Amino acid sequence: IENDEDVPDRDLKKDVLVDVLENRLYMKIHAHRADDIFTAIRIAKEFGLDYVIVHGTEGHLVADLLAQERARVITGPSLGDRGKPELANLSFATPGILNRAGVLCSICTDHPETPLPYLPLCAALAVKSGMAEEEALRAITWYPARIVGLDHRVGSLAPGLDADLVLWSEHPLRLSAAVRAVVVQGKLAVGGGAR
């Protein structure tokens, strides 16, 4: 660069791309259809990018291929209508099929698309569609932490990890489950009374 006039203006919106290209950040790829998912994976592989597939609506149609690619998938939102063509194959079975194929996947509501309080319901609907109950619970706790690389801090109950704890009257994915107590940073925040 000869002088200051040759230096391009800094664009903070594009600075993040450098972090993605140098694998300091992973790339979130929003894709519903199987062909779009694999186009994105092909591009990510071509440039050596770390990526996570978000939505993966048709992931259940290509679960074995996603497992072979070692893709991480954040599925959802599944609680809604098929309001656009990309959602024609929307299924509550997707997370369970991906999980059984060996794909690291989680369940999301894509808040505010579907409000966050419906996350346990989305996991329960995945169970109703064939996902193992404990795997569905992991898909809204531990697996998301693993997908984003924070499982060394959150996502499960283990010594040395940060954790807020919710105590339920029964399995949290059952619609009749009620919150009995909430512990935040080691202190009782809600509940504690006998019921």
Protein backbone atom coordinates (compact mmCIF):
# COMPACT_ATOMS: atom_id res chain seq x y z
CA ILE A 1 0.00 0.00 0.00
CA GLU A 2 1.54 3.23 -1.20
CA ASN A 3 -0.33 5.70 0.97
CA ASP A 4 -3.34 6.15 3.21
CA GLU A 5 -5.60 6.74 0.21
CA ASP A 6 -5.05 3.10 -0.84
CA VAL A 7 -6.31 1.72 2.48
CA PRO A 8 -9.96 0.70 2.18
CA ASP A 9 -12.45 2.01 4.71
CA ARG A 10 -13.06 -0.37 7.57
CA ASP A 11 -16.40 -2.16 7.41
CA LEU A 12 -17.24 -3.74 10.77
CA LYS A 13 -19.99 -5.84 9.18
CA LYS A 14 -17.40 -7.52 6.98
CA ASP A 15 -14.78 -7.91 9.73
CA VAL A 16 -16.68 -10.90 11.06
CA LEU A 17 -16.12 -12.66 7.72
CA VAL A 18 -12.40 -12.65 8.42
CA ASP A 19 -13.08 -14.49 11.69
CA VAL A 20 -15.18 -17.04 9.79
CA LEU A 21 -12.54 -17.49 7.06
CA GLU A 22 -9.84 -17.97 9.70
CA ASN A 23 -12.06 -20.38 11.71
CA ARG A 24 -12.20 -18.21 14.81
CA LEU A 25 -16.00 -18.29 14.38
CA TYR A 26 -18.22 -20.92 12.85
CA MET A 27 -20.65 -20.08 10.07
CA LYS A 28 -24.39 -20.54 10.65
CA ILE A 29 -25.98 -21.76 7.44
CA HIS A 30 -29.75 -21.33 7.29
CA ALA A 31 -31.01 -24.05 4.95
CA HIS A 32 -34.23 -26.01 4.80
CA ARG A 33 -34.07 -28.13 1.65
CA ALA A 34 -31.64 -31.02 1.22
CA ASP A 35 -30.12 -29.55 -1.96
CA ASP A 36 -29.51 -26.20 -0.23
CA ILE A 37 -27.97 -27.97 2.77
CA PHE A 38 -25.50 -29.84 0.59
CA THR A 39 -24.67 -26.80 -1.54
CA ALA A 40 -23.77 -24.99 1.69
CA ILE A 41 -21.69 -27.95 2.93
CA ARG A 42 -19.86 -28.13 -0.41
CA ILE A 43 -18.97 -24.42 -0.21
CA ALA A 44 -17.93 -24.73 3.44
CA LYS A 45 -15.66 -27.67 2.57
CA GLU A 46 -14.21 -25.84 -0.44
CA PHE A 47 -13.13 -22.94 1.77
CA GLY A 48 -12.33 -25.02 4.87
CA LEU A 49 -15.00 -23.32 6.99
CA ASP A 50 -16.44 -24.52 10.29
CA TYR A 51 -20.21 -24.54 9.97
CA VAL A 52 -23.52 -25.41 11.60
CA ILE A 53 -26.71 -26.07 9.63
CA VAL A 54 -29.67 -24.14 11.06
CA HIS A 55 -33.19 -25.44 10.33
CA GLY A 56 -32.24 -28.58 8.37
CA THR A 57 -35.93 -29.13 7.61
CA GLU A 58 -35.20 -31.90 5.10
CA GLY A 59 -32.32 -33.29 7.15
CA HIS A 60 -34.33 -36.44 7.84
CA LEU A 61 -34.28 -37.21 4.11
CA VAL A 62 -30.46 -37.21 4.02
CA ALA A 63 -29.55 -38.15 7.59
CA ASP A 64 -26.90 -40.72 6.64
CA LEU A 65 -25.16 -38.23 4.36
CA LEU A 66 -25.20 -35.57 7.09
CA ALA A 67 -23.68 -38.08 9.51
CA GLN A 68 -21.01 -38.92 6.94
CA GLU A 69 -20.18 -35.19 6.64
CA ARG A 70 -20.10 -34.91 10.45
CA ALA A 71 -22.52 -32.00 10.10
CA ARG A 72 -23.97 -30.31 13.16
CA VAL A 73 -27.64 -29.39 12.78
CA ILE A 74 -29.89 -27.10 14.78
CA THR A 75 -33.39 -28.27 13.80
CA GLY A 76 -36.50 -26.15 13.92
CA PRO A 77 -38.74 -24.42 14.24
CA SER A 78 -41.01 -27.38 13.72
CA LEU A 79 -44.04 -26.00 15.56
CA GLY A 80 -45.78 -24.02 12.87
CA ASP A 81 -47.30 -24.32 9.47
CA ARG A 82 -45.77 -25.04 6.10
CA GLY A 83 -46.00 -21.37 5.11
CA LYS A 84 -43.36 -21.53 2.39
CA PRO A 85 -42.30 -24.16 -0.16
CA GLU A 86 -39.06 -24.96 1.67
CA LEU A 87 -41.13 -26.37 4.55
CA ALA A 88 -43.06 -28.94 2.50
CA ASN A 89 -41.23 -31.81 4.24
CA LEU A 90 -41.38 -30.33 7.75
CA SER A 91 -41.55 -33.11 10.34
CA PHE A 92 -41.33 -33.48 14.11
CA ALA A 93 -39.42 -36.71 13.38
CA THR A 94 -36.38 -34.89 11.95
CA PRO A 95 -34.36 -34.51 15.19
CA GLY A 96 -34.91 -38.15 16.15
CA ILE A 97 -33.93 -39.43 12.71
CA LEU A 98 -30.80 -37.28 12.71
CA ASN A 99 -29.95 -38.36 16.25
CA ARG A 100 -30.29 -42.06 15.43
CA ALA A 101 -28.09 -41.57 12.34
CA GLY A 102 -25.33 -40.14 14.56
CA VAL A 103 -25.75 -36.47 13.64
CA LEU A 104 -25.12 -34.04 16.49
CA CYS A 105 -28.40 -32.12 16.43
CA SER A 106 -30.39 -29.88 18.68
CA ILE A 107 -33.92 -28.53 18.66
CA CYS A 108 -34.70 -24.81 18.49
CA THR A 109 -37.81 -22.65 18.30
CA ASP A 110 -36.10 -19.92 16.25
CA HIS A 111 -37.49 -17.40 18.77
CA PRO A 112 -39.47 -15.21 18.13
CA GLU A 113 -40.72 -17.35 15.19
CA THR A 114 -42.00 -19.75 17.84
CA PRO A 115 -41.69 -18.31 21.36
CA LEU A 116 -38.96 -19.86 23.52
CA PRO A 117 -41.38 -21.21 26.18
CA TYR A 118 -42.51 -23.75 23.55
CA LEU A 119 -39.06 -25.38 23.40
CA PRO A 120 -39.99 -28.25 25.76
CA LEU A 121 -43.16 -28.81 23.70
CA CYS A 122 -41.08 -29.04 20.50
CA ALA A 123 -38.85 -31.61 22.20
CA ALA A 124 -41.92 -33.52 23.43
CA LEU A 125 -43.31 -33.59 19.88
CA ALA A 126 -39.99 -35.01 18.69
CA VAL A 127 -40.41 -37.76 21.32
CA LYS A 128 -43.96 -38.42 20.11
CA SER A 129 -42.47 -38.78 16.61
CA GLY A 130 -39.88 -41.37 17.67
CA MET A 131 -37.00 -39.61 19.39
CA ALA A 132 -35.84 -41.14 22.67
CA GLU A 133 -37.02 -39.02 25.61
CA GLU A 134 -33.56 -38.54 27.11
CA GLU A 135 -32.11 -37.69 23.70
CA ALA A 136 -34.80 -35.04 23.21
CA LEU A 137 -33.90 -33.54 26.58
CA ARG A 138 -30.23 -33.51 25.58
CA ALA A 139 -31.27 -31.87 22.28
CA ILE A 140 -32.42 -28.77 24.21
CA THR A 141 -29.62 -28.76 26.81
CA TRP A 142 -26.29 -30.50 26.24
CA TYR A 143 -26.28 -30.89 22.45
CA PRO A 144 -26.78 -27.16 21.74
CA ALA A 145 -23.89 -26.42 24.09
CA ARG A 146 -21.73 -28.93 22.21
CA ILE A 147 -22.76 -27.52 18.84
CA VAL A 148 -21.68 -23.98 19.75
CA GLY A 149 -18.57 -25.15 21.62
CA LEU A 150 -19.70 -24.13 25.11
CA ASP A 151 -20.14 -27.59 26.63
CA HIS A 152 -17.02 -26.98 28.74
CA ARG A 153 -19.11 -24.37 30.60
CA VAL A 154 -22.83 -25.17 30.23
CA GLY A 155 -25.33 -27.71 28.98
CA SER A 156 -25.02 -30.47 31.55
CA LEU A 157 -24.68 -30.99 35.27
CA ALA A 158 -21.06 -31.68 36.17
CA PRO A 159 -18.53 -30.31 38.66
CA GLY A 160 -17.03 -27.03 37.54
CA LEU A 161 -19.74 -26.13 35.01
CA ASP A 162 -22.05 -23.13 35.23
CA ALA A 163 -25.60 -24.27 35.74
CA ASP A 164 -28.99 -22.99 36.63
CA LEU A 165 -31.25 -25.79 37.73
CA VAL A 166 -34.98 -26.27 37.30
CA LEU A 167 -36.72 -28.91 39.40
CA TRP A 168 -39.88 -30.32 37.83
CA SER A 169 -42.78 -32.28 39.24
CA GLU A 170 -42.10 -34.98 36.61
CA HIS A 171 -40.11 -35.37 33.39
CA PRO A 172 -39.85 -31.83 31.93
CA LEU A 173 -41.05 -32.93 28.48
CA ARG A 174 -44.40 -34.08 29.80
CA LEU A 175 -47.09 -31.47 29.32
CA SER A 176 -48.35 -31.96 32.87
CA ALA A 177 -44.90 -31.17 34.35
CA ALA A 178 -44.80 -28.13 36.62
CA VAL A 179 -41.81 -26.15 37.85
CA ARG A 180 -41.22 -26.79 41.55
CA ALA A 181 -38.04 -24.77 42.07
CA VAL A 182 -35.41 -22.80 40.17
CA VAL A 183 -31.84 -22.44 41.40
CA VAL A 184 -29.75 -19.65 39.81
CA GLN A 185 -26.06 -19.29 40.67
CA GLY A 186 -26.53 -21.61 43.64
CA LYS A 187 -29.43 -19.66 45.14
CA LEU A 188 -33.10 -20.60 45.23
CA ALA A 189 -34.83 -18.14 42.90
CA VAL A 190 -38.32 -19.64 42.65
CA GLY A 191 -40.23 -22.24 44.62
CA GLY A 192 -38.99 -24.41 47.38
CA GLY A 193 -42.32 -25.01 49.02
CA ALA A 194 -43.75 -28.52 49.41
CA ARG A 195 -46.42 -29.40 46.84
